[in-house]
């Protein structure tokens, strides 16, 4: 099974202890990090010398750039650049996992926005990947808060052939809401778990996907 870890690392504020913790997650095939500080990429790469890195900016705060960073030991065969806002971009990255091609989108939807605008961002992503028939994973910080199972978002994605693991999860450590999600098309999420660590205002989520 493909194993993916997604984590909004809150601008990498605790990077001195966060980076070593990530380096110990040996059973992860793909890391999807949000709010990653661009100025820490070189230092982070030194801890993952055999990984491929895909970074694209998603926001600027106090003249510093933060973005979504995807890293993996899997072979990367294609990158599709998708602009979902004036400064917010993502990549749909195609990997090869055990001879199976899989498309993965590591996303961070806009925080200072409305849910209507966030759904418009989701649509832009889906419009860019909908023609691909290979297994596709959308994972990351959707910034659509929910105190219960978000049936509206699940129904929206299901209409577009994406399924998720339907249980309520607390992914934001401070507000106790769910902001982070994983959806899969042409595959199945067999397991999903929350890691109760405090390096960020979010919790990381781990999923196992059959392709």
N, C-alpha and C. Protein backbone atom coordinates (compact mmCIF):
# COMPACT_ATOMS: atom_id res chain seq x y z
N UNK A 1 0.84 -1.21 0.00
CA UNK A 1 0.00 0.00 0.00
C UNK A 1 0.88 1.26 0.00
N UNK A 2 0.42 2.25 -0.72
CA UNK A 2 1.11 3.54 -0.74
C UNK A 2 0.85 4.26 0.57
N UNK A 3 1.91 4.74 1.21
CA UNK A 3 1.80 5.40 2.51
C UNK A 3 2.18 6.87 2.37
N UNK A 4 1.25 7.73 2.78
CA UNK A 4 1.43 9.18 2.61
C UNK A 4 1.24 9.86 3.96
N UNK A 5 2.11 10.81 4.26
CA UNK A 5 1.98 11.64 5.47
C UNK A 5 1.77 13.08 5.03
N UNK A 6 0.72 13.73 5.54
CA UNK A 6 0.44 15.13 5.24
C UNK A 6 0.47 15.93 6.54
N UNK A 7 1.11 17.13 6.48
CA UNK A 7 1.29 17.90 7.71
C UNK A 7 1.46 19.38 7.39
N UNK A 8 0.57 20.20 7.93
CA UNK A 8 0.78 21.65 7.91
C UNK A 8 1.69 21.97 9.09
N UNK A 9 2.90 22.44 8.80
CA UNK A 9 3.93 22.56 9.84
C UNK A 9 4.01 23.96 10.44
N UNK A 10 2.99 24.79 10.21
CA UNK A 10 2.88 26.12 10.83
C UNK A 10 4.16 26.94 10.65
N UNK A 11 4.51 27.14 9.37
CA UNK A 11 5.66 27.97 8.99
C UNK A 11 7.00 27.39 9.48
N UNK A 12 7.00 26.12 9.85
CA UNK A 12 8.24 25.49 10.29
C UNK A 12 8.82 26.10 11.55
N UNK A 13 7.95 26.58 12.43
CA UNK A 13 8.43 27.29 13.62
C UNK A 13 9.27 26.40 14.54
N UNK A 14 8.96 25.13 14.58
CA UNK A 14 9.71 24.22 15.45
C UNK A 14 10.59 23.29 14.60
N UNK A 15 11.18 23.84 13.54
CA UNK A 15 11.89 23.01 12.59
C UNK A 15 13.05 22.23 13.22
N UNK A 16 13.65 22.77 14.28
CA UNK A 16 14.81 22.09 14.88
C UNK A 16 14.45 20.73 15.47
N UNK A 17 13.21 20.58 15.92
CA UNK A 17 12.78 19.27 16.43
C UNK A 17 11.85 18.57 15.43
N UNK A 18 11.19 19.36 14.57
CA UNK A 18 10.29 18.78 13.58
C UNK A 18 11.05 18.01 12.52
N UNK A 19 12.11 18.58 11.97
CA UNK A 19 12.83 17.93 10.89
C UNK A 19 13.39 16.57 11.30
N UNK A 20 14.03 16.46 12.47
CA UNK A 20 14.49 15.12 12.89
C UNK A 20 13.34 14.13 13.07
N UNK A 21 12.19 14.59 13.54
CA UNK A 21 11.04 13.70 13.70
C UNK A 21 10.59 13.18 12.34
N UNK A 22 10.53 14.05 11.35
CA UNK A 22 10.13 13.62 10.01
C UNK A 22 11.12 12.61 9.44
N UNK A 23 12.41 12.84 9.70
CA UNK A 23 13.44 11.95 9.18
C UNK A 23 13.31 10.54 9.75
N UNK A 24 12.65 10.40 10.90
CA UNK A 24 12.48 9.08 11.52
C UNK A 24 11.27 8.32 10.98
N UNK A 25 10.46 8.97 10.16
CA UNK A 25 9.25 8.31 9.63
C UNK A 25 9.63 7.46 8.41
N UNK A 26 10.30 6.36 8.66
CA UNK A 26 10.88 5.54 7.60
C UNK A 26 9.84 4.79 6.76
N UNK A 27 8.64 4.62 7.28
CA UNK A 27 7.65 3.84 6.56
C UNK A 27 6.74 4.71 5.68
N UNK A 28 7.14 5.94 5.40
CA UNK A 28 6.35 6.86 4.59
C UNK A 28 6.93 6.90 3.18
N UNK A 29 6.06 6.73 2.16
CA UNK A 29 6.49 6.79 0.76
C UNK A 29 6.51 8.22 0.23
N UNK A 30 5.53 9.03 0.65
CA UNK A 30 5.43 10.41 0.18
C UNK A 30 5.10 11.32 1.35
N UNK A 31 5.88 12.37 1.54
CA UNK A 31 5.60 13.41 2.52
C UNK A 31 4.96 14.60 1.81
N UNK A 32 3.86 15.11 2.37
CA UNK A 32 3.19 16.29 1.84
C UNK A 32 3.13 17.33 2.95
N UNK A 33 3.95 18.36 2.84
CA UNK A 33 4.06 19.37 3.89
C UNK A 33 3.51 20.69 3.38
N UNK A 34 2.75 21.36 4.25
CA UNK A 34 2.22 22.68 3.92
C UNK A 34 2.83 23.73 4.85
N UNK A 35 2.83 24.98 4.38
CA UNK A 35 3.45 26.11 5.10
C UNK A 35 4.93 25.84 5.36
N UNK A 36 5.57 25.25 4.36
CA UNK A 36 7.01 24.98 4.49
C UNK A 36 7.80 26.24 4.14
N UNK A 37 8.75 26.68 4.99
CA UNK A 37 9.54 27.88 4.71
C UNK A 37 10.55 27.64 3.59
N UNK A 38 10.45 28.45 2.55
CA UNK A 38 11.33 28.26 1.39
C UNK A 38 12.80 28.35 1.78
N UNK A 39 13.12 29.19 2.76
CA UNK A 39 14.53 29.38 3.13
C UNK A 39 15.11 28.20 3.91
N UNK A 40 14.28 27.17 4.20
CA UNK A 40 14.77 26.00 4.92
C UNK A 40 14.90 24.77 4.01
N UNK A 41 14.64 24.94 2.72
CA UNK A 41 14.65 23.79 1.82
C UNK A 41 16.03 23.14 1.76
N UNK A 42 17.07 23.94 1.59
CA UNK A 42 18.42 23.37 1.47
C UNK A 42 18.80 22.58 2.72
N UNK A 43 18.47 23.13 3.87
CA UNK A 43 18.79 22.45 5.13
C UNK A 43 17.99 21.16 5.26
N UNK A 44 16.75 21.20 4.83
CA UNK A 44 15.89 20.02 4.89
C UNK A 44 16.39 18.94 3.93
N UNK A 45 16.83 19.35 2.75
CA UNK A 45 17.31 18.39 1.76
C UNK A 45 18.51 17.60 2.28
N UNK A 46 19.33 18.24 3.09
CA UNK A 46 20.49 17.55 3.65
C UNK A 46 20.10 16.37 4.52
N UNK A 47 18.88 16.42 5.08
CA UNK A 47 18.40 15.33 5.93
C UNK A 47 17.75 14.22 5.10
N UNK A 48 17.43 14.51 3.83
CA UNK A 48 16.78 13.55 2.93
C UNK A 48 17.54 13.50 1.61
N UNK A 49 18.80 13.07 1.63
CA UNK A 49 19.64 13.17 0.44
C UNK A 49 19.18 12.31 -0.73
N UNK A 50 18.38 11.29 -0.49
CA UNK A 50 17.98 10.38 -1.57
C UNK A 50 16.52 10.60 -1.99
N UNK A 51 15.96 11.73 -1.60
CA UNK A 51 14.56 12.04 -1.92
C UNK A 51 14.49 13.08 -3.03
N UNK A 52 13.40 13.03 -3.80
CA UNK A 52 13.09 14.08 -4.76
C UNK A 52 12.19 15.11 -4.08
N UNK A 53 12.44 16.39 -4.37
CA UNK A 53 11.70 17.48 -3.77
C UNK A 53 10.89 18.21 -4.84
N UNK A 54 9.62 18.50 -4.53
CA UNK A 54 8.78 19.34 -5.39
C UNK A 54 8.20 20.43 -4.50
N UNK A 55 8.57 21.69 -4.77
CA UNK A 55 8.12 22.81 -3.95
C UNK A 55 7.45 23.84 -4.83
N UNK A 56 6.36 24.41 -4.33
CA UNK A 56 5.73 25.54 -5.01
C UNK A 56 5.14 26.47 -3.95
N UNK A 57 5.27 27.80 -4.13
CA UNK A 57 4.81 28.74 -3.11
C UNK A 57 3.29 28.81 -3.01
N UNK A 58 2.81 29.04 -1.80
CA UNK A 58 1.36 29.19 -1.59
C UNK A 58 1.00 30.47 -0.86
N UNK A 59 1.95 31.08 -0.13
CA UNK A 59 1.65 32.35 0.55
C UNK A 59 2.94 33.04 0.97
N UNK A 60 2.82 34.35 1.19
CA UNK A 60 3.93 35.14 1.70
C UNK A 60 3.50 35.82 2.99
N UNK A 61 4.35 35.74 4.01
CA UNK A 61 4.09 36.34 5.31
C UNK A 61 5.35 37.08 5.75
N UNK A 62 5.21 38.38 6.02
CA UNK A 62 6.35 39.20 6.46
C UNK A 62 7.55 39.04 5.52
N UNK A 63 7.26 39.12 4.21
CA UNK A 63 8.26 39.08 3.15
C UNK A 63 8.97 37.73 3.03
N UNK A 64 8.43 36.70 3.68
CA UNK A 64 8.98 35.36 3.56
C UNK A 64 7.99 34.48 2.79
N UNK A 65 8.52 33.56 2.02
CA UNK A 65 7.70 32.69 1.18
C UNK A 65 7.55 31.32 1.82
N UNK A 66 6.31 30.85 1.83
CA UNK A 66 5.99 29.52 2.34
C UNK A 66 5.20 28.78 1.26
N UNK A 67 5.30 27.47 1.28
CA UNK A 67 4.60 26.75 0.24
C UNK A 67 4.35 25.31 0.60
N UNK A 68 3.93 24.55 -0.42
CA UNK A 68 3.70 23.13 -0.25
C UNK A 68 4.93 22.39 -0.79
N UNK A 69 5.42 21.47 0.02
CA UNK A 69 6.62 20.71 -0.32
C UNK A 69 6.27 19.22 -0.32
N UNK A 70 6.51 18.58 -1.44
CA UNK A 70 6.30 17.14 -1.56
C UNK A 70 7.66 16.48 -1.73
N UNK A 71 7.93 15.45 -0.94
CA UNK A 71 9.19 14.74 -1.09
C UNK A 71 8.96 13.24 -1.05
N UNK A 72 9.73 12.51 -1.84
CA UNK A 72 9.54 11.09 -1.98
C UNK A 72 10.79 10.43 -2.54
N UNK A 73 10.91 9.14 -2.28
CA UNK A 73 11.95 8.34 -2.91
C UNK A 73 11.44 7.69 -4.19
N UNK A 74 10.16 7.83 -4.48
CA UNK A 74 9.59 7.24 -5.68
C UNK A 74 10.02 8.02 -6.92
N UNK A 75 9.99 7.37 -8.05
CA UNK A 75 10.36 8.02 -9.30
C UNK A 75 9.27 9.00 -9.73
N UNK A 76 9.66 10.24 -9.97
CA UNK A 76 8.73 11.27 -10.44
C UNK A 76 8.79 11.35 -11.96
N UNK A 77 7.63 11.21 -12.61
CA UNK A 77 7.59 11.19 -14.08
C UNK A 77 6.95 12.42 -14.69
N UNK A 78 6.19 13.20 -13.92
CA UNK A 78 5.49 14.35 -14.49
C UNK A 78 5.08 15.30 -13.38
N UNK A 79 5.09 16.62 -13.70
CA UNK A 79 4.57 17.63 -12.78
C UNK A 79 3.63 18.55 -13.56
N UNK A 80 2.43 18.74 -13.02
CA UNK A 80 1.44 19.62 -13.63
C UNK A 80 1.25 20.82 -12.71
N UNK A 81 1.63 21.99 -13.19
CA UNK A 81 1.54 23.21 -12.38
C UNK A 81 0.13 23.76 -12.45
N UNK A 82 -0.46 24.05 -11.27
CA UNK A 82 -1.84 24.53 -11.20
C UNK A 82 -1.88 25.80 -10.34
N UNK A 83 -2.29 26.91 -10.93
CA UNK A 83 -2.46 28.15 -10.18
C UNK A 83 -3.88 28.20 -9.64
N UNK A 84 -4.01 28.31 -8.32
CA UNK A 84 -5.35 28.35 -7.70
C UNK A 84 -5.63 29.69 -7.04
N UNK A 85 -4.71 30.63 -7.14
CA UNK A 85 -4.86 31.97 -6.58
C UNK A 85 -3.74 32.86 -7.10
N UNK A 86 -3.76 34.13 -6.71
CA UNK A 86 -2.75 35.07 -7.19
C UNK A 86 -1.34 34.63 -6.80
N UNK A 87 -1.19 34.14 -5.59
CA UNK A 87 0.12 33.68 -5.12
C UNK A 87 0.12 32.22 -4.71
N UNK A 88 -1.00 31.55 -4.87
CA UNK A 88 -1.14 30.18 -4.39
C UNK A 88 -1.12 29.21 -5.57
N UNK A 89 -0.14 28.30 -5.56
CA UNK A 89 -0.02 27.32 -6.63
C UNK A 89 0.21 25.93 -6.02
N UNK A 90 -0.12 24.92 -6.81
CA UNK A 90 0.13 23.54 -6.40
C UNK A 90 0.68 22.78 -7.59
N UNK A 91 1.23 21.61 -7.34
CA UNK A 91 1.63 20.68 -8.38
C UNK A 91 0.85 19.40 -8.24
N UNK A 92 0.37 18.90 -9.37
CA UNK A 92 -0.07 17.52 -9.44
C UNK A 92 1.15 16.73 -9.90
N UNK A 93 1.67 15.87 -9.05
CA UNK A 93 2.92 15.17 -9.33
C UNK A 93 2.64 13.70 -9.58
N UNK A 94 3.15 13.19 -10.70
CA UNK A 94 2.96 11.78 -11.04
C UNK A 94 4.17 10.97 -10.58
N UNK A 95 3.91 9.91 -9.82
CA UNK A 95 4.95 9.03 -9.31
C UNK A 95 4.72 7.61 -9.84
N UNK A 96 5.74 6.80 -9.70
CA UNK A 96 5.61 5.38 -9.99
C UNK A 96 5.80 4.61 -8.68
N UNK A 97 4.76 3.87 -8.32
CA UNK A 97 4.81 3.07 -7.10
C UNK A 97 4.58 1.61 -7.47
N UNK A 98 5.64 0.80 -7.35
CA UNK A 98 5.56 -0.63 -7.68
C UNK A 98 4.96 -0.84 -9.07
N UNK A 99 5.49 -0.15 -10.03
CA UNK A 99 5.11 -0.23 -11.45
C UNK A 99 3.74 0.39 -11.74
N UNK A 100 3.12 0.99 -10.75
CA UNK A 100 1.83 1.65 -10.92
C UNK A 100 2.01 3.16 -10.88
N UNK A 101 1.52 3.85 -11.90
CA UNK A 101 1.58 5.31 -11.90
C UNK A 101 0.46 5.86 -11.03
N UNK A 102 0.79 6.88 -10.24
CA UNK A 102 -0.19 7.51 -9.36
C UNK A 102 0.02 9.02 -9.39
N UNK A 103 -1.07 9.78 -9.41
CA UNK A 103 -1.01 11.24 -9.42
C UNK A 103 -1.37 11.75 -8.04
N UNK A 104 -0.56 12.64 -7.50
CA UNK A 104 -0.78 13.15 -6.14
C UNK A 104 -0.75 14.67 -6.14
N UNK A 105 -1.74 15.28 -5.50
CA UNK A 105 -1.80 16.73 -5.33
C UNK A 105 -1.69 17.05 -3.85
N UNK A 106 -0.62 17.73 -3.49
CA UNK A 106 -0.40 18.23 -2.13
C UNK A 106 -0.90 19.68 -2.13
N UNK A 107 -1.96 19.96 -1.38
CA UNK A 107 -2.59 21.27 -1.51
C UNK A 107 -2.72 22.00 -0.18
N UNK A 108 -2.80 23.30 -0.28
CA UNK A 108 -3.04 24.19 0.85
C UNK A 108 -3.97 25.29 0.36
N UNK A 109 -5.27 25.12 0.62
CA UNK A 109 -6.24 26.11 0.16
C UNK A 109 -6.11 27.38 1.00
N UNK A 110 -6.55 28.49 0.43
CA UNK A 110 -6.33 29.80 1.03
C UNK A 110 -7.01 29.92 2.39
N UNK A 111 -6.26 30.45 3.36
CA UNK A 111 -6.79 30.61 4.72
C UNK A 111 -7.72 31.81 4.81
N UNK A 112 -7.26 33.00 4.39
CA UNK A 112 -8.08 34.21 4.47
C UNK A 112 -9.01 34.24 3.26
N UNK A 113 -10.10 33.50 3.36
CA UNK A 113 -11.00 33.34 2.24
C UNK A 113 -12.34 32.82 2.74
N UNK A 114 -13.24 32.55 1.80
CA UNK A 114 -14.52 31.95 2.13
C UNK A 114 -14.54 30.51 1.62
N UNK A 115 -15.46 29.72 2.14
CA UNK A 115 -15.57 28.35 1.65
C UNK A 115 -15.93 28.32 0.17
N UNK A 116 -16.73 29.30 -0.30
CA UNK A 116 -17.07 29.36 -1.72
C UNK A 116 -15.81 29.50 -2.56
N UNK A 117 -14.89 30.34 -2.12
CA UNK A 117 -13.64 30.52 -2.85
C UNK A 117 -12.77 29.27 -2.77
N UNK A 118 -12.81 28.59 -1.65
CA UNK A 118 -12.02 27.37 -1.51
C UNK A 118 -12.55 26.26 -2.43
N UNK A 119 -13.88 26.17 -2.55
CA UNK A 119 -14.44 25.19 -3.47
C UNK A 119 -14.07 25.53 -4.91
N UNK A 120 -13.96 26.82 -5.21
CA UNK A 120 -13.51 27.23 -6.54
C UNK A 120 -12.06 26.79 -6.77
N UNK A 121 -11.25 26.83 -5.72
CA UNK A 121 -9.87 26.35 -5.84
C UNK A 121 -9.83 24.84 -6.06
N UNK A 122 -10.67 24.12 -5.33
CA UNK A 122 -10.75 22.67 -5.53
C UNK A 122 -11.15 22.36 -6.98
N UNK A 123 -12.11 23.12 -7.51
CA UNK A 123 -12.56 22.89 -8.88
C UNK A 123 -11.41 23.09 -9.88
N UNK A 124 -10.59 24.12 -9.66
CA UNK A 124 -9.45 24.34 -10.55
C UNK A 124 -8.50 23.15 -10.54
N UNK A 125 -8.28 22.59 -9.35
CA UNK A 125 -7.40 21.42 -9.24
C UNK A 125 -8.03 20.23 -9.96
N UNK A 126 -9.31 19.98 -9.69
CA UNK A 126 -9.97 18.83 -10.30
C UNK A 126 -10.04 18.96 -11.81
N UNK A 127 -10.29 20.17 -12.31
CA UNK A 127 -10.34 20.38 -13.76
C UNK A 127 -9.00 20.04 -14.41
N UNK A 128 -7.92 20.19 -13.65
CA UNK A 128 -6.58 19.93 -14.20
C UNK A 128 -6.20 18.46 -14.17
N UNK A 129 -6.88 17.67 -13.33
CA UNK A 129 -6.49 16.26 -13.19
C UNK A 129 -7.59 15.29 -13.59
N UNK A 130 -8.76 15.81 -13.92
CA UNK A 130 -9.93 14.95 -14.12
C UNK A 130 -9.75 13.98 -15.27
N UNK A 131 -8.94 14.35 -16.27
CA UNK A 131 -8.80 13.49 -17.45
C UNK A 131 -7.86 12.32 -17.20
N UNK A 132 -7.12 12.33 -16.10
CA UNK A 132 -6.19 11.26 -15.82
C UNK A 132 -6.93 10.05 -15.25
N UNK A 133 -6.66 8.89 -15.81
CA UNK A 133 -7.35 7.67 -15.41
C UNK A 133 -6.58 6.87 -14.36
N UNK A 134 -5.39 7.32 -14.03
CA UNK A 134 -4.57 6.62 -13.05
C UNK A 134 -5.05 6.97 -11.64
N UNK A 135 -4.72 6.17 -10.63
CA UNK A 135 -5.08 6.53 -9.25
C UNK A 135 -4.60 7.93 -8.91
N UNK A 136 -5.49 8.70 -8.27
CA UNK A 136 -5.21 10.11 -7.96
C UNK A 136 -5.52 10.39 -6.50
N UNK A 137 -4.59 11.06 -5.83
CA UNK A 137 -4.72 11.39 -4.40
C UNK A 137 -4.70 12.89 -4.24
N UNK A 138 -5.71 13.45 -3.58
CA UNK A 138 -5.72 14.85 -3.16
C UNK A 138 -5.60 14.86 -1.65
N UNK A 139 -4.59 15.54 -1.14
CA UNK A 139 -4.36 15.51 0.30
C UNK A 139 -3.76 16.84 0.75
N UNK A 140 -4.09 17.26 1.96
CA UNK A 140 -3.49 18.48 2.49
C UNK A 140 -4.45 19.26 3.36
N UNK A 141 -4.16 20.55 3.48
CA UNK A 141 -4.93 21.47 4.33
C UNK A 141 -5.98 22.16 3.47
N UNK A 142 -7.24 21.71 3.61
CA UNK A 142 -8.33 22.30 2.83
C UNK A 142 -8.83 23.60 3.45
N UNK A 143 -8.52 23.84 4.71
CA UNK A 143 -8.96 25.05 5.41
C UNK A 143 -10.48 25.22 5.40
N UNK A 144 -11.20 24.11 5.32
CA UNK A 144 -12.66 24.12 5.42
C UNK A 144 -12.99 23.49 6.77
N UNK A 145 -13.27 24.30 7.79
CA UNK A 145 -13.41 23.75 9.14
C UNK A 145 -14.70 22.98 9.34
N UNK A 146 -14.62 21.92 10.13
CA UNK A 146 -15.80 21.13 10.43
C UNK A 146 -15.65 20.50 11.81
N UNK A 147 -16.70 20.61 12.62
CA UNK A 147 -16.73 19.96 13.93
C UNK A 147 -17.33 18.56 13.84
N UNK A 148 -17.93 18.25 12.70
CA UNK A 148 -18.54 16.94 12.47
C UNK A 148 -18.04 16.42 11.13
N UNK A 149 -18.49 15.22 10.75
CA UNK A 149 -18.14 14.71 9.42
C UNK A 149 -18.67 15.68 8.37
N UNK A 150 -17.80 16.14 7.49
CA UNK A 150 -18.18 17.18 6.53
C UNK A 150 -18.85 16.54 5.31
N UNK A 151 -20.15 16.29 5.45
CA UNK A 151 -20.88 15.59 4.40
C UNK A 151 -20.97 16.40 3.11
N UNK A 152 -20.96 17.73 3.21
CA UNK A 152 -21.02 18.55 1.99
C UNK A 152 -19.77 18.36 1.15
N UNK A 153 -18.61 18.42 1.80
CA UNK A 153 -17.35 18.26 1.07
C UNK A 153 -17.23 16.84 0.53
N UNK A 154 -17.62 15.86 1.33
CA UNK A 154 -17.55 14.46 0.89
C UNK A 154 -18.44 14.25 -0.33
N UNK A 155 -19.67 14.80 -0.30
CA UNK A 155 -20.59 14.66 -1.43
C UNK A 155 -20.05 15.37 -2.68
N UNK A 156 -19.46 16.54 -2.48
CA UNK A 156 -18.88 17.29 -3.60
C UNK A 156 -17.79 16.47 -4.29
N UNK A 157 -16.91 15.87 -3.48
CA UNK A 157 -15.81 15.09 -4.04
C UNK A 157 -16.32 13.76 -4.61
N UNK A 158 -17.31 13.17 -3.97
CA UNK A 158 -17.84 11.89 -4.47
C UNK A 158 -18.49 12.07 -5.84
N UNK A 159 -19.14 13.19 -6.06
CA UNK A 159 -19.72 13.47 -7.38
C UNK A 159 -18.64 13.49 -8.46
N UNK A 160 -17.41 13.73 -8.04
CA UNK A 160 -16.28 13.78 -8.99
C UNK A 160 -15.40 12.54 -8.86
N UNK A 161 -15.99 11.47 -8.29
CA UNK A 161 -15.38 10.14 -8.23
C UNK A 161 -14.24 10.02 -7.21
N UNK A 162 -14.17 10.94 -6.26
CA UNK A 162 -13.16 10.87 -5.20
C UNK A 162 -13.81 10.42 -3.91
N UNK A 163 -13.20 9.43 -3.27
CA UNK A 163 -13.71 8.90 -2.00
C UNK A 163 -12.74 9.22 -0.87
N UNK A 164 -13.26 9.15 0.36
CA UNK A 164 -12.43 9.39 1.53
C UNK A 164 -12.79 8.41 2.63
N UNK A 165 -12.02 8.43 3.68
CA UNK A 165 -12.28 7.61 4.86
C UNK A 165 -13.24 8.39 5.74
N UNK A 166 -14.48 7.94 5.85
CA UNK A 166 -15.53 8.76 6.46
C UNK A 166 -15.59 8.58 7.97
N UNK A 167 -14.79 9.38 8.63
CA UNK A 167 -14.92 9.49 10.07
C UNK A 167 -14.44 10.87 10.47
N UNK A 168 -14.98 11.37 11.55
CA UNK A 168 -14.58 12.69 12.00
C UNK A 168 -13.19 12.64 12.62
N UNK A 169 -12.33 13.57 12.22
CA UNK A 169 -10.98 13.63 12.75
C UNK A 169 -10.67 15.05 13.21
N UNK A 170 -10.03 15.18 14.35
CA UNK A 170 -9.52 16.47 14.78
C UNK A 170 -8.12 16.62 14.19
N UNK A 171 -7.95 17.56 13.27
CA UNK A 171 -6.63 17.75 12.66
C UNK A 171 -6.01 19.10 13.03
N UNK A 172 -6.82 20.00 13.61
CA UNK A 172 -6.27 21.27 14.08
C UNK A 172 -6.20 21.21 15.60
N UNK A 173 -4.99 21.21 16.10
CA UNK A 173 -4.74 20.94 17.52
C UNK A 173 -5.37 21.98 18.44
N UNK A 174 -5.46 23.23 17.99
CA UNK A 174 -5.90 24.31 18.87
C UNK A 174 -7.42 24.50 18.87
N UNK A 175 -8.05 24.41 17.70
CA UNK A 175 -9.50 24.66 17.63
C UNK A 175 -10.32 23.38 17.69
N UNK A 176 -9.65 22.22 17.57
CA UNK A 176 -10.31 20.90 17.64
C UNK A 176 -11.26 20.67 16.47
N UNK A 177 -10.99 21.27 15.33
CA UNK A 177 -11.79 21.04 14.14
C UNK A 177 -10.99 20.22 13.14
N UNK A 178 -11.67 19.76 12.08
CA UNK A 178 -10.98 19.10 10.99
C UNK A 178 -10.74 20.10 9.88
N UNK A 179 -9.50 20.27 9.48
CA UNK A 179 -9.13 21.12 8.35
C UNK A 179 -8.43 20.33 7.26
N UNK A 180 -7.87 19.18 7.61
CA UNK A 180 -7.04 18.41 6.69
C UNK A 180 -7.80 17.16 6.23
N UNK A 181 -7.69 16.86 4.93
CA UNK A 181 -8.45 15.76 4.34
C UNK A 181 -7.59 15.01 3.34
N UNK A 182 -8.04 13.80 3.02
CA UNK A 182 -7.43 13.01 1.96
C UNK A 182 -8.56 12.40 1.13
N UNK A 183 -8.46 12.52 -0.20
CA UNK A 183 -9.43 11.94 -1.11
C UNK A 183 -8.69 11.16 -2.19
N UNK A 184 -9.29 10.06 -2.63
CA UNK A 184 -8.65 9.19 -3.61
C UNK A 184 -9.64 8.80 -4.71
N UNK A 185 -9.17 8.84 -5.95
CA UNK A 185 -9.93 8.34 -7.09
C UNK A 185 -9.17 7.17 -7.70
N UNK A 186 -9.90 6.12 -8.10
CA UNK A 186 -9.30 4.91 -8.67
C UNK A 186 -8.34 4.24 -7.68
N UNK A 187 -8.71 4.29 -6.44
CA UNK A 187 -7.97 3.64 -5.36
C UNK A 187 -8.84 3.65 -4.12
N UNK A 188 -8.29 3.21 -3.01
CA UNK A 188 -9.07 3.16 -1.77
C UNK A 188 -8.18 3.43 -0.57
N UNK A 189 -8.65 4.32 0.31
CA UNK A 189 -7.95 4.56 1.56
C UNK A 189 -8.30 3.43 2.53
N UNK A 190 -7.32 2.61 2.85
CA UNK A 190 -7.56 1.48 3.73
C UNK A 190 -7.38 1.83 5.20
N UNK A 191 -6.60 2.87 5.46
CA UNK A 191 -6.37 3.26 6.84
C UNK A 191 -6.01 4.73 6.89
N UNK A 192 -6.43 5.40 7.93
CA UNK A 192 -6.08 6.80 8.15
C UNK A 192 -5.87 7.01 9.64
N UNK A 193 -4.83 7.74 10.00
CA UNK A 193 -4.50 7.92 11.41
C UNK A 193 -3.98 9.32 11.66
N UNK A 194 -4.23 9.82 12.86
CA UNK A 194 -3.74 11.12 13.29
C UNK A 194 -2.57 10.91 14.23
N UNK A 195 -1.49 11.63 14.00
CA UNK A 195 -0.33 11.58 14.88
C UNK A 195 -0.45 12.72 15.90
N UNK A 196 -0.52 12.40 17.18
CA UNK A 196 -0.72 13.41 18.23
C UNK A 196 0.62 14.00 18.67
N UNK A 197 1.21 14.79 17.78
CA UNK A 197 2.45 15.48 18.09
C UNK A 197 2.19 16.98 18.06
N UNK A 198 3.05 17.75 18.71
CA UNK A 198 2.75 19.18 18.92
C UNK A 198 3.80 20.09 18.31
N UNK A 199 4.27 19.75 17.11
CA UNK A 199 5.23 20.62 16.43
C UNK A 199 4.55 21.79 15.73
N UNK A 200 3.22 21.76 15.65
CA UNK A 200 2.47 22.72 14.85
C UNK A 200 1.09 22.92 15.48
N UNK A 201 0.30 23.85 14.90
CA UNK A 201 -1.08 23.99 15.33
C UNK A 201 -1.96 22.91 14.69
N UNK A 202 -1.42 22.18 13.72
CA UNK A 202 -2.10 21.05 13.11
C UNK A 202 -1.51 19.75 13.64
N UNK A 203 -2.26 18.66 13.41
CA UNK A 203 -1.71 17.32 13.58
C UNK A 203 -1.41 16.75 12.19
N UNK A 204 -0.38 15.93 12.07
CA UNK A 204 -0.16 15.24 10.80
C UNK A 204 -1.14 14.09 10.64
N UNK A 205 -1.50 13.81 9.39
CA UNK A 205 -2.34 12.65 9.10
C UNK A 205 -1.55 11.68 8.23
N UNK A 206 -1.75 10.38 8.48
CA UNK A 206 -1.12 9.33 7.68
C UNK A 206 -2.23 8.50 7.04
N UNK A 207 -2.04 8.20 5.75
CA UNK A 207 -2.99 7.35 5.07
C UNK A 207 -2.26 6.20 4.39
N UNK A 208 -2.97 5.08 4.23
CA UNK A 208 -2.50 3.96 3.45
C UNK A 208 -3.50 3.73 2.33
N UNK A 209 -3.03 3.69 1.10
CA UNK A 209 -3.89 3.64 -0.07
C UNK A 209 -3.57 2.41 -0.91
N UNK A 210 -4.62 1.66 -1.28
CA UNK A 210 -4.45 0.59 -2.25
C UNK A 210 -4.74 1.15 -3.63
N UNK A 211 -3.94 0.75 -4.59
CA UNK A 211 -4.04 1.31 -5.95
C UNK A 211 -4.54 0.25 -6.93
